[in-house]
Amino acid sequence: MPIYPKVQSRKKSKNLVLLVKSANDLSGLKIAKKNQNVIAKALSSAGSYSQINFGEYLAVFKIGKLKLGKDKEAIRKFAATVYDAASHKIEDLQVESSSAEAVSLFLEGAGLASYKFDKYFTDKKKATLTNIYTTNKKVKIDAVNHVIDATCWARDLVNEPVSYLTAPQLAKEIVKKFKGTDATVEVFEKAKIESLKMGGLLAVNKGSIDPPTFTMIEWKPKNAKNKKPIVLVGKGIVYDTGGLSLKPTPNSMDFMKSDMGGAACMVGATYAAAKLKTPLHIITLIPSTDNRPGGNAYAPGDVITMFNKMTVEVLNTDAEGRMVMADALSYGDKFKPELVLDAATLTGAAVRSIGTFASCVMGNANQADIDQVVAAGDATYDRAVQLPFWDDYKEELKSKIADLKNLGGPYAGMITAGKFLEHFTKSPYIHIDIAGPAFNHGKDSYRGLGGTGAGVRLVTEFLKNRAK
C-alpha cells in the first residue's frame, strides 16, 4: 500500500530530503551549517547528492521552475529513486523545500513508488519506511494522499486475476470502496441488463459462466458547477481470451486480466473526485464481463442489436470492448451530459502507433476540451497524444448486412475503434485508448510493475481543472 504522509510540524526526522533551486535556499530551510557546505558543493557539481551513514539518509535535488511536465516528472522519479534506496533501511523521512509544489510532487512519487501488489505472496517483505514528514504548511497532504490512494486502488483492480475479480466481484469492490464517500453506487444485475436490452454487453457475456454487471456511480455535490453531468465510461472486461476469435499465443493472454484498465481508471478518478470534493456532477458507467469462447459464445458473423437499437455485424469477437462500451455510451445519453469521456485498453493499434509512453486521445468534443485532456496528461506525465478523428474512418465500419461492423480496416485500428464508439453517443465525446501505458511487464520507476493506474491522475487533473 502507498505511504500516507502527514504534516507534523513538531516531528522531524534525521533522514532528510531537500528540494532546492540553489544553495541560497538552504539558509531558509534551517539546515545545519556543516551540512550546508556539503550540500552546496554537491549542488554545484552533480545537482543531486545522497548518502546513507549510520542510519541517516540525506538526499538533495536541484529543482527548476516546474513549468514543464518533464521538470515535475523529474521530481517524481527522484522520489522513486530515494524510496527504492531507503525503504528497507530507515523508518521515516523528512522532505523540505520552499516550494510546496515540489514537496507535493515528491510525496506523490514516493507514495506511488511504495505500491506493491503482494496479496498472493505467503512471505511478504514489508518496507520499514512508513512515514514521510514535511513542515511546509502549504502542502495539501490530504489531496496528495487521495490521488495516491485512487491510483493504487486502480492498480489493485488491474492486478487482481480473474480467479478473484469476476464482473460481479468488480461491482462489489466498487460498492465497498465508495462506502466512505458521499457518492452513490447502483449495480445492475443480469436480469436488469436483459430488461434494458443491452445487446452488446449480453453478447460478449454469452461465452462466460459468470453473469455481467453494469455499475453506475454518481457524485453530485451540492456545489456542482455544471448543470449537465459529465459522464465517464470505463471498459470493464475483467479477462479477455478473444472469445471464439481466440488470441493467437498464450503469452498474449496471460496479462489480459488488465483488460479492465479503463474501468479501473474511471472508478479511480471518480473516487478521487469524491474524496477531493471536486465541485462537478459526475456519472460513471462500468459495463463488465469476461470474454470467453465457452457456452453459447457469440460468433463472427453474428448480428447484434445494441441498446440504442443499432445493429452490429460481428467480424471479430476479440473486438469486444467496443461492444460493451457502446451500450454504456448509449445509456449515458439519458442523462443529457455536457461531455462524455471514456477510457479503455481498447486496441493493440494504439500500442503500435505510439508505444507505451502515452495514451491515444481523440473525439468530436470542442478542441478546447481535448486540449485540456492533453494538458492534464502533460501536467501529471500520464500523457495523451491527440489523433485525428476524421469521418473518413467511418467508411471502414460500413457493413453489407447491418448498420455497422465491429471491425475497421487493417490500418489505424485505434481510430476506427473510436469512430465505432462515436456512433453510440449523441453528446460531445472524448475517447482515451490507454492500451499502451496500462500495464508494465517490467518495473518502471514509480509506475511500478503490473497495473500502473494509467489515466487516473490524468482524468483527476482534468476534472479538477474543469471545476475551476
Protein backbone atom coordinates (compact mmCIF):
# COMPACT_ATOMS: atom_id res chain seq x y z
CA MET A 1 0.00 0.00 0.00
CA PRO A 2 1.15 3.59 -0.52
CA ILE A 3 2.79 5.79 2.05
CA TYR A 4 0.37 8.23 3.63
CA PRO A 5 2.50 11.25 4.55
CA LYS A 6 1.23 13.62 7.21
CA VAL A 7 2.24 17.15 8.12
CA GLN A 8 3.75 17.05 11.58
CA SER A 9 5.39 20.37 12.34
CA ARG A 10 6.82 19.22 15.67
CA LYS A 11 8.19 15.89 14.48
CA LYS A 12 11.34 15.89 12.43
CA SER A 13 13.39 13.04 11.03
CA LYS A 14 17.16 12.74 10.93
CA ASN A 15 16.65 11.39 7.41
CA LEU A 16 16.34 14.38 5.13
CA VAL A 17 15.44 15.18 1.51
CA LEU A 18 15.95 18.72 0.28
CA LEU A 19 14.41 20.09 -2.91
CA VAL A 20 16.12 23.41 -3.65
CA LYS A 21 16.65 25.78 -6.55
CA SER A 22 20.15 26.75 -5.46
CA ALA A 23 22.47 26.73 -2.47
CA ASN A 24 20.91 30.06 -1.44
CA ASP A 25 17.69 28.23 -0.50
CA LEU A 26 19.44 26.24 2.21
CA SER A 27 19.57 29.11 4.71
CA GLY A 28 15.80 29.45 4.65
CA LEU A 29 15.36 25.77 5.43
CA LYS A 30 17.25 25.90 8.75
CA ILE A 31 19.83 23.37 7.68
CA ALA A 32 22.85 22.86 9.93
CA LYS A 33 25.90 24.83 8.77
CA LYS A 34 28.07 21.72 8.46
CA ASN A 35 25.55 20.16 6.10
CA GLN A 36 25.06 23.37 4.09
CA ASN A 37 28.63 23.34 2.85
CA VAL A 38 28.47 19.69 1.80
CA ILE A 39 25.14 20.15 0.05
CA ALA A 40 26.18 23.38 -1.68
CA LYS A 41 29.23 21.63 -3.08
CA ALA A 42 27.08 18.75 -4.32
CA LEU A 43 24.61 21.10 -5.96
CA SER A 44 27.34 22.97 -7.81
CA SER A 45 28.79 19.76 -9.23
CA ALA A 46 26.28 16.99 -9.80
CA GLY A 47 22.96 18.59 -8.94
CA SER A 48 21.98 15.84 -6.54
CA TYR A 49 23.61 14.15 -3.60
CA SER A 50 22.74 11.28 -1.33
CA GLN A 51 24.33 9.20 1.37
CA ILE A 52 23.38 6.60 3.91
CA ASN A 53 25.51 6.71 7.02
CA PHE A 54 24.83 5.32 10.50
CA GLY A 55 21.14 5.04 9.75
CA GLU A 56 20.89 8.59 8.43
CA TYR A 57 19.84 9.42 4.89
CA LEU A 58 20.50 12.70 3.12
CA ALA A 59 19.34 13.49 -0.40
CA VAL A 60 19.35 16.75 -2.34
CA PHE A 61 17.67 17.57 -5.61
CA LYS A 62 18.00 20.74 -7.66
CA ILE A 63 14.59 21.85 -8.90
CA GLY A 64 13.79 24.13 -11.83
CA LYS A 65 10.82 26.45 -12.36
CA LEU A 66 8.42 23.49 -12.62
CA LYS A 67 6.63 24.96 -15.63
CA LEU A 68 7.20 21.93 -17.83
CA GLY A 69 5.80 18.45 -17.27
CA LYS A 70 9.25 16.91 -17.61
CA ASP A 71 10.56 19.08 -14.75
CA LYS A 72 7.76 17.85 -12.49
CA GLU A 73 8.32 14.27 -13.61
CA ALA A 74 11.99 14.51 -12.66
CA ILE A 75 10.98 15.09 -9.03
CA ARG A 76 8.54 12.15 -9.04
CA LYS A 77 11.24 9.87 -10.42
CA PHE A 78 13.80 11.20 -7.95
CA ALA A 79 11.34 10.38 -5.17
CA ALA A 80 11.03 6.83 -6.51
CA THR A 81 14.82 6.50 -6.51
CA VAL A 82 15.00 7.72 -2.92
CA TYR A 83 12.21 5.37 -1.86
CA ASP A 84 13.82 2.35 -3.51
CA ALA A 85 17.19 3.15 -1.90
CA ALA A 86 15.90 3.85 1.60
CA SER A 87 12.64 1.97 2.05
CA HIS A 88 14.20 -1.02 3.83
CA LYS A 89 16.88 0.95 5.70
CA ILE A 90 15.07 3.76 7.51
CA GLU A 91 11.71 4.24 9.21
CA ASP A 92 10.85 7.83 8.33
CA LEU A 93 11.86 10.66 6.07
CA GLN A 94 11.53 14.43 6.14
CA VAL A 95 11.06 16.34 2.89
CA GLU A 96 11.68 20.06 2.82
CA SER A 97 11.51 22.78 0.19
CA SER A 98 10.35 26.36 -0.08
CA SER A 99 8.20 25.09 -2.98
CA ALA A 100 5.00 23.38 -1.84
CA GLU A 101 4.55 22.03 -5.36
CA ALA A 102 7.95 20.36 -5.27
CA VAL A 103 7.15 18.69 -1.95
CA SER A 104 3.77 17.51 -3.30
CA LEU A 105 5.44 16.02 -6.37
CA PHE A 106 7.98 14.21 -4.20
CA LEU A 107 5.27 12.82 -1.93
CA GLU A 108 3.29 11.66 -4.95
CA GLY A 109 6.31 9.91 -6.50
CA ALA A 110 7.33 8.26 -3.22
CA GLY A 111 3.78 7.20 -2.40
CA LEU A 112 3.23 5.61 -5.80
CA ALA A 113 6.68 4.00 -5.68
CA SER A 114 5.76 2.35 -2.38
CA TYR A 115 2.95 0.38 -4.04
CA LYS A 116 3.38 -3.38 -4.14
CA PHE A 117 0.82 -6.00 -5.11
CA ASP A 118 1.79 -8.70 -2.62
CA LYS A 119 -1.61 -10.18 -1.80
CA TYR A 120 -0.71 -13.64 -3.09
CA PHE A 121 2.77 -13.92 -1.54
CA THR A 122 2.94 -16.16 1.51
CA ASP A 123 6.08 -14.37 2.73
CA LYS A 124 5.59 -10.61 2.47
CA LYS A 125 8.65 -8.39 2.81
CA LYS A 126 7.42 -5.15 4.34
CA ALA A 127 9.23 -1.85 3.95
CA THR A 128 10.46 -0.15 7.11
CA LEU A 129 9.84 3.34 5.70
CA THR A 130 6.25 4.08 6.66
CA ASN A 131 6.13 7.83 7.30
CA ILE A 132 7.15 10.91 5.38
CA TYR A 133 7.04 14.31 7.06
CA THR A 134 7.19 17.90 5.91
CA THR A 135 6.97 21.19 7.75
CA ASN A 136 5.81 23.05 4.65
CA LYS A 137 2.28 24.01 5.69
CA LYS A 138 1.26 24.97 2.15
CA VAL A 139 1.37 21.36 1.02
CA LYS A 140 -2.12 19.86 0.64
CA ILE A 141 -1.26 16.49 2.09
CA ASP A 142 -4.79 15.05 2.00
CA ALA A 143 -5.14 15.89 -1.67
CA VAL A 144 -1.88 14.12 -2.48
CA ASN A 145 -2.94 11.08 -0.47
CA HIS A 146 -6.32 10.85 -2.19
CA VAL A 147 -4.69 10.77 -5.62
CA ILE A 148 -2.17 8.14 -4.46
CA ASP A 149 -4.94 6.05 -2.92
CA ALA A 150 -7.13 6.24 -6.04
CA THR A 151 -4.25 5.32 -8.35
CA CYS A 152 -3.12 2.42 -6.18
CA TRP A 153 -6.68 1.11 -5.90
CA ALA A 154 -6.90 1.13 -9.68
CA ARG A 155 -3.62 -0.80 -9.77
CA ASP A 156 -5.02 -3.37 -7.35
CA LEU A 157 -8.06 -3.91 -9.57
CA VAL A 158 -5.92 -4.38 -12.67
CA ASN A 159 -3.51 -6.74 -10.91
CA GLU A 160 -6.21 -8.99 -9.49
CA PRO A 161 -6.60 -12.22 -11.52
CA VAL A 162 -9.98 -13.24 -12.86
CA SER A 163 -9.95 -16.17 -10.44
CA TYR A 164 -10.91 -13.48 -7.92
CA LEU A 165 -12.02 -10.41 -9.85
CA THR A 166 -15.04 -11.53 -11.88
CA ALA A 167 -17.55 -8.97 -13.12
CA PRO A 168 -19.77 -9.42 -10.03
CA GLN A 169 -16.72 -9.09 -7.77
CA LEU A 170 -15.61 -5.90 -9.53
CA ALA A 171 -19.02 -4.42 -8.77
CA LYS A 172 -18.66 -5.46 -5.12
CA GLU A 173 -15.21 -3.87 -4.90
CA ILE A 174 -16.61 -0.60 -6.23
CA VAL A 175 -19.51 -0.63 -3.76
CA LYS A 176 -17.09 -1.34 -0.90
CA LYS A 177 -14.65 1.43 -1.84
CA PHE A 178 -17.29 4.12 -2.19
CA LYS A 179 -18.96 3.40 1.17
CA GLY A 180 -16.71 6.00 2.77
CA THR A 181 -17.83 8.76 0.39
CA ASP A 182 -20.98 10.74 -0.38
CA ALA A 183 -21.22 9.20 -3.86
CA THR A 184 -23.96 6.68 -4.66
CA VAL A 185 -23.42 3.33 -6.39
CA GLU A 186 -26.02 1.21 -8.17
CA VAL A 187 -25.28 -2.21 -9.66
CA PHE A 188 -27.42 -3.67 -12.44
CA GLU A 189 -27.50 -7.47 -12.36
CA LYS A 190 -28.06 -9.64 -15.44
CA ALA A 191 -31.86 -9.54 -15.25
CA LYS A 192 -31.82 -5.74 -15.27
CA ILE A 193 -29.30 -5.69 -18.13
CA GLU A 194 -31.56 -8.04 -20.10
CA SER A 195 -34.61 -5.86 -19.43
CA LEU A 196 -32.67 -2.87 -20.76
CA LYS A 197 -31.70 -4.91 -23.85
CA MET A 198 -28.02 -4.07 -23.68
CA GLY A 199 -27.24 -6.35 -26.61
CA GLY A 200 -23.52 -5.68 -26.80
CA LEU A 201 -22.80 -6.47 -23.16
CA LEU A 202 -25.06 -9.53 -23.22
CA ALA A 203 -23.48 -10.84 -26.43
CA VAL A 204 -19.93 -10.70 -25.08
CA ASN A 205 -21.08 -12.37 -21.87
CA LYS A 206 -22.66 -15.37 -23.64
CA GLY A 207 -19.42 -17.39 -23.51
CA SER A 208 -18.93 -16.89 -19.77
CA ILE A 209 -20.24 -18.83 -16.78
CA ASP A 210 -20.22 -15.60 -14.71
CA PRO A 211 -23.00 -13.03 -15.20
CA PRO A 212 -22.31 -9.50 -16.42
CA THR A 213 -22.72 -6.38 -14.31
CA PHE A 214 -23.36 -2.74 -15.11
CA THR A 215 -22.26 -0.39 -12.34
CA MET A 216 -23.28 3.26 -12.08
CA ILE A 217 -21.59 5.71 -9.71
CA GLU A 218 -22.94 9.21 -9.17
CA TRP A 219 -21.05 12.02 -7.48
CA LYS A 220 -23.32 15.04 -7.19
CA PRO A 221 -22.16 17.61 -4.64
CA LYS A 222 -24.47 20.48 -3.73
CA ASN A 223 -21.96 22.99 -5.10
CA ALA A 224 -21.61 21.32 -8.51
CA LYS A 225 -20.69 23.92 -11.12
CA ASN A 226 -22.11 22.02 -14.10
CA LYS A 227 -25.87 21.97 -14.76
CA LYS A 228 -25.48 18.91 -17.00
CA PRO A 229 -23.34 15.99 -15.75
CA ILE A 230 -20.06 14.75 -17.10
CA VAL A 231 -20.38 11.06 -17.97
CA LEU A 232 -17.35 8.79 -17.59
CA VAL A 233 -17.31 5.32 -19.15
CA GLY A 234 -14.71 2.61 -18.48
CA LYS A 235 -14.22 -0.71 -20.26
CA GLY A 236 -14.68 -3.48 -17.68
CA ILE A 237 -13.55 -6.66 -19.46
CA VAL A 238 -12.14 -8.48 -16.45
CA TYR A 239 -10.47 -11.09 -18.66
CA ASP A 240 -10.16 -11.38 -22.42
CA THR A 241 -9.37 -14.60 -24.28
CA GLY A 242 -10.52 -13.04 -27.53
CA GLY A 243 -13.62 -15.25 -27.43
CA LEU A 244 -14.03 -17.54 -30.44
CA SER A 245 -11.54 -15.28 -32.27
CA LEU A 246 -9.01 -16.66 -29.79
CA LYS A 247 -5.86 -14.66 -29.18
CA PRO A 248 -3.02 -16.25 -31.18
CA THR A 249 -0.45 -17.09 -28.48
CA PRO A 250 -0.63 -17.87 -24.75
CA ASN A 251 1.71 -15.01 -23.83
CA SER A 252 -0.68 -12.53 -25.42
CA MET A 253 -3.35 -13.70 -22.98
CA ASP A 254 -1.61 -14.12 -19.63
CA PHE A 255 -1.91 -10.43 -18.72
CA MET A 256 -5.43 -10.00 -20.08
CA LYS A 257 -6.65 -9.54 -16.52
CA SER A 258 -5.60 -5.97 -17.30
CA ASP A 259 -8.32 -5.54 -19.93
CA MET A 260 -10.48 -3.74 -17.38
CA GLY A 261 -7.87 -0.98 -17.03
CA GLY A 262 -10.36 1.54 -18.42
CA ALA A 263 -12.86 0.66 -15.71
CA ALA A 264 -10.11 0.92 -13.07
CA CYS A 265 -9.15 4.30 -14.48
CA MET A 266 -12.63 5.75 -14.34
CA VAL A 267 -13.66 4.38 -10.94
CA GLY A 268 -10.31 5.53 -9.56
CA ALA A 269 -10.78 9.04 -10.96
CA THR A 270 -14.37 9.16 -9.67
CA TYR A 271 -13.21 8.05 -6.22
CA ALA A 272 -10.55 10.76 -6.24
CA ALA A 273 -13.16 13.35 -7.28
CA ALA A 274 -15.42 12.31 -4.40
CA LYS A 275 -12.58 12.42 -1.83
CA LEU A 276 -11.28 15.73 -3.17
CA LYS A 277 -14.84 17.14 -3.11
CA THR A 278 -14.49 18.20 -6.74
CA PRO A 279 -17.47 20.51 -7.44
CA LEU A 280 -18.71 18.69 -10.51
CA HIS A 281 -21.68 16.42 -11.15
CA ILE A 282 -20.17 13.16 -12.43
CA ILE A 283 -21.86 9.93 -13.52
CA THR A 284 -19.60 6.94 -14.13
CA LEU A 285 -20.73 3.83 -16.03
CA ILE A 286 -18.89 0.49 -15.92
CA PRO A 287 -20.12 -2.34 -18.17
CA SER A 288 -18.35 -5.54 -17.13
CA THR A 289 -17.92 -9.17 -18.14
CA ASP A 290 -15.17 -11.56 -19.21
CA ASN A 291 -14.83 -12.61 -22.85
CA ARG A 292 -14.62 -16.41 -23.21
CA PRO A 293 -15.12 -18.94 -26.02
CA GLY A 294 -17.32 -21.25 -23.94
CA GLY A 295 -21.02 -21.93 -23.67
CA ASN A 296 -23.08 -20.22 -26.33
CA ALA A 297 -20.35 -17.67 -27.13
CA TYR A 298 -21.14 -15.01 -29.68
CA ALA A 299 -19.53 -15.74 -33.02
CA PRO A 300 -18.05 -13.99 -36.05
CA GLY A 301 -20.93 -13.40 -38.42
CA ASP A 302 -23.48 -12.73 -35.68
CA VAL A 303 -25.61 -9.59 -35.89
CA ILE A 304 -26.21 -7.91 -32.51
CA THR A 305 -28.93 -5.38 -31.70
CA MET A 306 -27.45 -2.84 -29.34
CA PHE A 307 -29.06 -0.79 -26.55
CA ASN A 308 -29.70 2.14 -28.93
CA LYS A 309 -31.34 -0.26 -31.47
CA MET A 310 -28.47 -0.06 -33.95
CA THR A 311 -27.34 -3.41 -35.42
CA VAL A 312 -23.73 -4.55 -35.49
CA GLU A 313 -22.20 -7.32 -37.60
CA VAL A 314 -19.54 -9.10 -35.57
CA LEU A 315 -16.41 -9.79 -37.62
CA ASN A 316 -14.09 -10.46 -34.71
CA THR A 317 -15.10 -11.43 -31.17
CA ASP A 318 -11.81 -10.01 -29.87
CA ALA A 319 -13.18 -6.54 -30.67
CA GLU A 320 -15.42 -6.96 -27.64
CA GLY A 321 -14.54 -3.88 -25.62
CA ARG A 322 -16.29 -1.59 -28.06
CA MET A 323 -19.39 -3.79 -27.90
CA VAL A 324 -19.86 -3.40 -24.16
CA MET A 325 -18.82 0.25 -24.10
CA ALA A 326 -21.26 1.11 -26.89
CA ASP A 327 -24.18 0.12 -24.67
CA ALA A 328 -22.83 2.20 -21.79
CA LEU A 329 -22.34 5.23 -24.03
CA SER A 330 -25.91 4.97 -25.32
CA TYR A 331 -27.24 4.57 -21.79
CA GLY A 332 -25.31 7.69 -20.79
CA ASP A 333 -27.30 9.79 -23.28
CA LYS A 334 -30.34 9.61 -20.97
CA PHE A 335 -28.52 11.99 -18.61
CA LYS A 336 -28.03 14.59 -21.37
CA PRO A 337 -24.36 15.10 -20.41
CA GLU A 338 -22.33 18.17 -21.28
CA LEU A 339 -19.39 15.87 -22.04
CA VAL A 340 -18.72 12.13 -22.30
CA LEU A 341 -15.23 10.83 -21.61
CA ASP A 342 -14.28 7.16 -21.85
CA ALA A 343 -11.15 5.11 -21.19
CA ALA A 344 -10.28 1.64 -22.42
CA THR A 345 -7.45 -0.75 -23.12
CA LEU A 346 -9.09 -0.95 -26.50
CA THR A 347 -6.62 -1.71 -29.28
CA GLY A 348 -3.20 -3.13 -29.98
CA ALA A 349 -3.04 -0.49 -32.71
CA ALA A 350 -2.74 2.20 -30.03
CA VAL A 351 0.38 0.49 -28.68
CA ARG A 352 1.85 0.06 -32.14
CA SER A 353 1.19 3.69 -33.02
CA ILE A 354 2.79 5.49 -30.06
CA GLY A 355 4.18 2.76 -27.80
CA THR A 356 3.75 2.55 -24.04
CA PHE A 357 4.68 6.11 -23.15
CA ALA A 358 1.23 7.64 -23.61
CA SER A 359 -2.43 7.04 -24.33
CA CYS A 360 -4.19 7.95 -27.57
CA VAL A 361 -6.90 10.58 -27.30
CA MET A 362 -9.45 11.60 -29.93
CA GLY A 363 -13.02 12.82 -30.16
CA ASN A 364 -15.64 15.20 -31.52
CA ALA A 365 -15.84 17.45 -28.45
CA ASN A 366 -14.67 21.05 -28.59
CA GLN A 367 -10.96 21.27 -29.28
CA ALA A 368 -10.57 23.24 -26.06
CA ASP A 369 -11.86 20.23 -24.08
CA ILE A 370 -9.48 17.86 -25.85
CA ASP A 371 -6.64 20.32 -25.27
CA GLN A 372 -7.46 20.24 -21.56
CA VAL A 373 -7.18 16.44 -21.54
CA VAL A 374 -3.78 16.64 -23.22
CA ALA A 375 -2.68 19.41 -20.83
CA ALA A 376 -3.78 17.35 -17.81
CA GLY A 377 -1.75 14.46 -19.16
CA ASP A 378 1.31 16.66 -19.57
CA ALA A 379 1.00 18.04 -16.03
CA THR A 380 0.73 14.58 -14.45
CA TYR A 381 3.01 12.89 -17.02
CA ASP A 382 0.11 10.49 -17.50
CA ARG A 383 0.35 11.65 -21.07
CA ALA A 384 -2.06 11.54 -24.01
CA VAL A 385 -1.43 12.19 -27.70
CA GLN A 386 -4.26 13.51 -29.86
CA LEU A 387 -5.01 11.61 -33.06
CA PRO A 388 -7.24 12.69 -35.98
CA PHE A 389 -10.91 11.79 -35.80
CA TRP A 390 -11.99 12.38 -39.38
CA ASP A 391 -15.26 10.98 -40.67
CA ASP A 392 -13.29 9.28 -43.47
CA TYR A 393 -12.61 6.48 -40.96
CA LYS A 394 -16.34 5.81 -40.62
CA GLU A 395 -16.40 4.42 -44.15
CA GLU A 396 -14.41 1.39 -42.99
CA LEU A 397 -17.14 0.47 -40.50
CA LYS A 398 -19.96 0.07 -43.01
CA SER A 399 -21.48 -3.42 -43.11
CA LYS A 400 -23.25 -5.10 -46.01
CA ILE A 401 -25.86 -6.70 -43.75
CA ALA A 402 -26.16 -4.41 -40.70
CA ASP A 403 -25.81 -0.78 -39.64
CA LEU A 404 -22.18 -1.29 -38.64
CA LYS A 405 -19.46 -3.91 -38.39
CA ASN A 406 -17.31 -4.11 -35.28
CA LEU A 407 -14.01 -4.03 -37.15
CA GLY A 408 -12.45 -1.42 -39.42
CA GLY A 409 -9.71 -1.83 -42.00
CA PRO A 410 -6.13 -3.03 -41.49
CA TYR A 411 -4.78 0.42 -40.57
CA ALA A 412 -5.35 2.95 -37.77
CA GLY A 413 -7.42 0.50 -35.74
CA MET A 414 -7.31 2.76 -32.69
CA ILE A 415 -9.13 5.47 -34.66
CA THR A 416 -11.72 3.22 -36.33
CA ALA A 417 -12.47 1.79 -32.87
CA GLY A 418 -13.07 5.30 -31.60
CA LYS A 419 -15.27 6.10 -34.60
CA PHE A 420 -17.29 2.94 -33.91
CA LEU A 421 -17.96 4.16 -30.37
CA GLU A 422 -18.87 7.64 -31.60
CA HIS A 423 -21.99 6.15 -33.21
CA PHE A 424 -23.39 5.37 -29.76
CA THR A 425 -23.41 8.77 -28.10
CA LYS A 426 -25.14 11.98 -29.14
CA SER A 427 -23.11 14.07 -26.70
CA PRO A 428 -19.72 15.78 -27.11
CA TYR A 429 -17.31 12.88 -26.88
CA ILE A 430 -13.66 12.18 -25.98
CA HIS A 431 -12.14 8.70 -26.23
CA ILE A 432 -8.90 7.67 -24.49
CA ASP A 433 -7.21 4.41 -25.51
CA ILE A 434 -4.88 3.51 -22.62
CA ALA A 435 -3.72 0.15 -24.02
CA GLY A 436 -0.07 1.24 -24.12
CA PRO A 437 0.64 2.53 -20.59
CA ALA A 438 -1.91 0.48 -18.60
CA PHE A 439 0.33 -2.48 -17.72
CA ASN A 440 4.08 -2.76 -17.16
CA HIS A 441 5.88 -6.03 -17.80
CA GLY A 442 8.98 -4.67 -16.06
CA LYS A 443 9.38 -2.15 -13.23
CA ASP A 444 9.23 1.47 -14.33
CA SER A 445 10.14 3.94 -11.59
CA TYR A 446 7.06 4.98 -9.55
CA ARG A 447 4.75 3.34 -12.11
CA GLY A 448 5.90 0.00 -10.76
CA LEU A 449 5.31 -3.49 -12.11
CA GLY A 450 1.96 -4.69 -13.47
CA GLY A 451 -1.03 -2.34 -13.38
CA THR A 452 0.01 1.31 -13.48
CA GLY A 453 -3.29 3.03 -12.78
CA ALA A 454 -2.96 4.74 -16.17
CA GLY A 455 -5.45 7.53 -16.70
CA VAL A 456 -6.44 8.03 -13.06
CA ARG A 457 -4.20 11.03 -12.46
CA LEU A 458 -4.91 12.41 -15.95
CA VAL A 459 -8.70 12.32 -15.54
CA THR A 460 -8.49 13.57 -11.94
CA GLU A 461 -6.41 16.55 -13.06
CA PHE A 462 -8.76 17.20 -15.98
CA LEU A 463 -11.80 17.25 -13.70
CA LYS A 464 -10.06 19.44 -11.14
CA ASN A 465 -9.12 21.97 -13.83
CA ARG A 466 -12.59 21.85 -15.37
CA ALA A 467 -14.14 22.67 -11.98
CA LYS A 468 -12.13 25.90 -11.95
